């Protein structure tokens, strides 16, 4: 994979990871504010985000390249972990 394509995959997955966090918070605040932060209605946003993750990476990477899927997955999960860590500290 070229550097340009790898950078595109990593940046798009980092943005998608941040989008996942904001979408989860949106569903938690506006759909079920009285419920605890971990609930079924808020988890519906994760289904939307994981579908977007699969479609985005299938179109950018393809199906055969395992190492690129690992890079994409770690970038996506790393962006989510970084957001949660920052949100938890402040």
C-alpha atoms as a PDB file:
ATOM      1  CA  UNK A   1       0.000   0.000   0.000  1.00  0.00           C
ATOM      2  CA  UNK A   2       1.343   3.415  -0.888  1.00  0.00           C
ATOM      3  CA  UNK A   3       2.067   6.002   1.764  1.00  0.00           C
ATOM      4  CA  UNK A   4      -0.714   8.250   0.495  1.00  0.00           C
ATOM      5  CA  UNK A   5      -3.317   5.496   0.691  1.00  0.00           C
ATOM      6  CA  UNK A   6      -2.098   4.359   4.123  1.00  0.00           C
ATOM      7  CA  UNK A   7      -2.284   7.944   5.416  1.00  0.00           C
ATOM      8  CA  UNK A   8      -5.803   8.257   4.027  1.00  0.00           C
ATOM      9  CA  UNK A   9      -6.861   5.041   5.767  1.00  0.00           C
ATOM     10  CA  UNK A  10      -5.357   6.070   9.106  1.00  0.00           C
ATOM     11  CA  UNK A  11      -6.745   9.611   9.067  1.00  0.00           C
ATOM     12  CA  UNK A  12     -10.199   8.471   8.019  1.00  0.00           C
ATOM     13  CA  UNK A  13     -10.259   5.820  10.754  1.00  0.00           C
ATOM     14  CA  UNK A  14      -9.104   8.315  13.391  1.00  0.00           C
ATOM     15  CA  UNK A  15     -11.897  10.696  12.328  1.00  0.00           C
ATOM     16  CA  UNK A  16     -14.371   7.813  12.340  1.00  0.00           C
ATOM     17  CA  UNK A  17     -13.235   6.870  15.861  1.00  0.00           C
ATOM     18  CA  UNK A  18     -13.919  10.404  17.085  1.00  0.00           C
ATOM     19  CA  UNK A  19     -17.251  10.372  15.268  1.00  0.00           C
ATOM     20  CA  UNK A  20     -18.103   7.144  17.106  1.00  0.00           C
ATOM     21  CA  UNK A  21     -17.478   8.761  20.481  1.00  0.00           C
ATOM     22  CA  UNK A  22     -19.514  11.848  19.685  1.00  0.00           C
ATOM     23  CA  UNK A  23     -22.336   9.759  18.227  1.00  0.00           C
ATOM     24  CA  UNK A  24     -22.400   7.580  21.349  1.00  0.00           C
ATOM     25  CA  UNK A  25     -22.567  10.659  23.571  1.00  0.00           C
ATOM     26  CA  UNK A  26     -25.299  12.143  21.371  1.00  0.00           C
ATOM     27  CA  UNK A  27     -27.408   8.997  21.654  1.00  0.00           C
ATOM     28  CA  UNK A  28     -26.807   8.848  25.395  1.00  0.00           C
ATOM     29  CA  UNK A  29     -27.704  12.495  26.022  1.00  0.00           C
ATOM     30  CA  UNK A  30     -30.643  12.956  23.654  1.00  0.00           C
ATOM     31  CA  UNK A  31     -32.193   9.497  23.553  1.00  0.00           C
ATOM     32  CA  UNK A  32     -31.836   8.245  27.113  1.00  0.00           C
ATOM     33  CA  UNK A  33     -30.599  11.007  29.408  1.00  0.00           C
ATOM     34  CA  UNK A  34     -31.979   9.503  32.605  1.00  0.00           C
ATOM     35  CA  UNK A  35     -30.342   6.122  31.975  1.00  0.00           C
ATOM     36  CA  UNK A  36     -26.759   5.272  32.905  1.00  0.00           C
ATOM     37  CA  UNK A  37     -24.052   5.898  30.303  1.00  0.00           C
ATOM     38  CA  UNK A  38     -23.924   2.208  29.351  1.00  0.00           C
ATOM     39  CA  UNK A  39     -27.339   1.240  27.983  1.00  0.00           C
ATOM     40  CA  UNK A  40     -28.914  -0.477  25.002  1.00  0.00           C
ATOM     41  CA  UNK A  41     -30.170   2.626  23.207  1.00  0.00           C
ATOM     42  CA  UNK A  42     -26.740   4.223  23.240  1.00  0.00           C
ATOM     43  CA  UNK A  43     -25.187   0.995  21.947  1.00  0.00           C
ATOM     44  CA  UNK A  44     -27.279   1.380  18.784  1.00  0.00           C
ATOM     45  CA  UNK A  45     -24.878   4.136  17.794  1.00  0.00           C
ATOM     46  CA  UNK A  46     -22.051   1.599  17.881  1.00  0.00           C
ATOM     47  CA  UNK A  47     -23.828  -0.510  15.280  1.00  0.00           C
ATOM     48  CA  UNK A  48     -24.003   2.527  13.011  1.00  0.00           C
ATOM     49  CA  UNK A  49     -20.332   3.328  13.559  1.00  0.00           C
ATOM     50  CA  UNK A  50     -19.130  -0.240  13.042  1.00  0.00           C
ATOM     51  CA  UNK A  51     -21.114  -0.432   9.817  1.00  0.00           C
ATOM     52  CA  UNK A  52     -19.452   2.769   8.625  1.00  0.00           C
ATOM     53  CA  UNK A  53     -16.070   1.342   9.666  1.00  0.00           C
ATOM     54  CA  UNK A  54     -16.635  -1.808   7.633  1.00  0.00           C
ATOM     55  CA  UNK A  55     -17.900  -0.009   4.534  1.00  0.00           C
ATOM     56  CA  UNK A  56     -15.145   2.616   4.624  1.00  0.00           C
ATOM     57  CA  UNK A  57     -12.335   0.130   5.012  1.00  0.00           C
ATOM     58  CA  UNK A  58     -13.779  -2.334   2.517  1.00  0.00           C
ATOM     59  CA  UNK A  59     -13.835   0.436  -0.074  1.00  0.00           C
ATOM     60  CA  UNK A  60     -10.356   1.770   0.779  1.00  0.00           C
ATOM     61  CA  UNK A  61      -8.461  -1.426   1.594  1.00  0.00           C
ATOM     62  CA  UNK A  62     -10.274  -4.376   0.117  1.00  0.00           C
ATOM     63  CA  UNK A  63     -10.640  -7.827   1.592  1.00  0.00           C
ATOM     64  CA  UNK A  64      -7.268  -9.507   1.146  1.00  0.00           C
ATOM     65  CA  UNK A  65      -4.863  -7.263   3.017  1.00  0.00           C
ATOM     66  CA  UNK A  66      -4.841  -8.397   6.647  1.00  0.00           C
ATOM     67  CA  UNK A  67      -2.063  -6.089   7.862  1.00  0.00           C
ATOM     68  CA  UNK A  68      -3.835  -2.970   6.591  1.00  0.00           C
ATOM     69  CA  UNK A  69      -7.053  -4.049   8.314  1.00  0.00           C
ATOM     70  CA  UNK A  70      -5.057  -4.371  11.555  1.00  0.00           C
ATOM     71  CA  UNK A  71      -3.621  -0.863  11.106  1.00  0.00           C
ATOM     72  CA  UNK A  72      -7.095   0.481  10.411  1.00  0.00           C
ATOM     73  CA  UNK A  73      -8.593  -1.304  13.433  1.00  0.00           C
ATOM     74  CA  UNK A  74      -5.854  -0.146  15.805  1.00  0.00           C
ATOM     75  CA  UNK A  75      -6.156   3.430  14.554  1.00  0.00           C
ATOM     76  CA  UNK A  76      -9.940   3.343  15.021  1.00  0.00           C
ATOM     77  CA  UNK A  77      -9.745   1.824  18.506  1.00  0.00           C
ATOM     78  CA  UNK A  78      -6.824   4.071  19.469  1.00  0.00           C
ATOM     79  CA  UNK A  79      -8.801   7.197  18.602  1.00  0.00           C
ATOM     80  CA  UNK A  80     -11.689   5.936  20.725  1.00  0.00           C
ATOM     81  CA  UNK A  81      -9.361   5.071  23.625  1.00  0.00           C
ATOM     82  CA  UNK A  82      -7.690   8.479  23.441  1.00  0.00           C
ATOM     83  CA  UNK A  83     -11.060  10.257  23.454  1.00  0.00           C
ATOM     84  CA  UNK A  84     -12.268   8.201  26.428  1.00  0.00           C
ATOM     85  CA  UNK A  85      -9.030   8.860  28.335  1.00  0.00           C
ATOM     86  CA  UNK A  86      -9.253  12.610  27.748  1.00  0.00           C
ATOM     87  CA  UNK A  87     -12.987  12.643  28.546  1.00  0.00           C
ATOM     88  CA  UNK A  88     -12.357  10.671  31.734  1.00  0.00           C
ATOM     89  CA  UNK A  89      -9.523  12.936  32.943  1.00  0.00           C
ATOM     90  CA  UNK A  90     -11.405  16.189  32.423  1.00  0.00           C
END
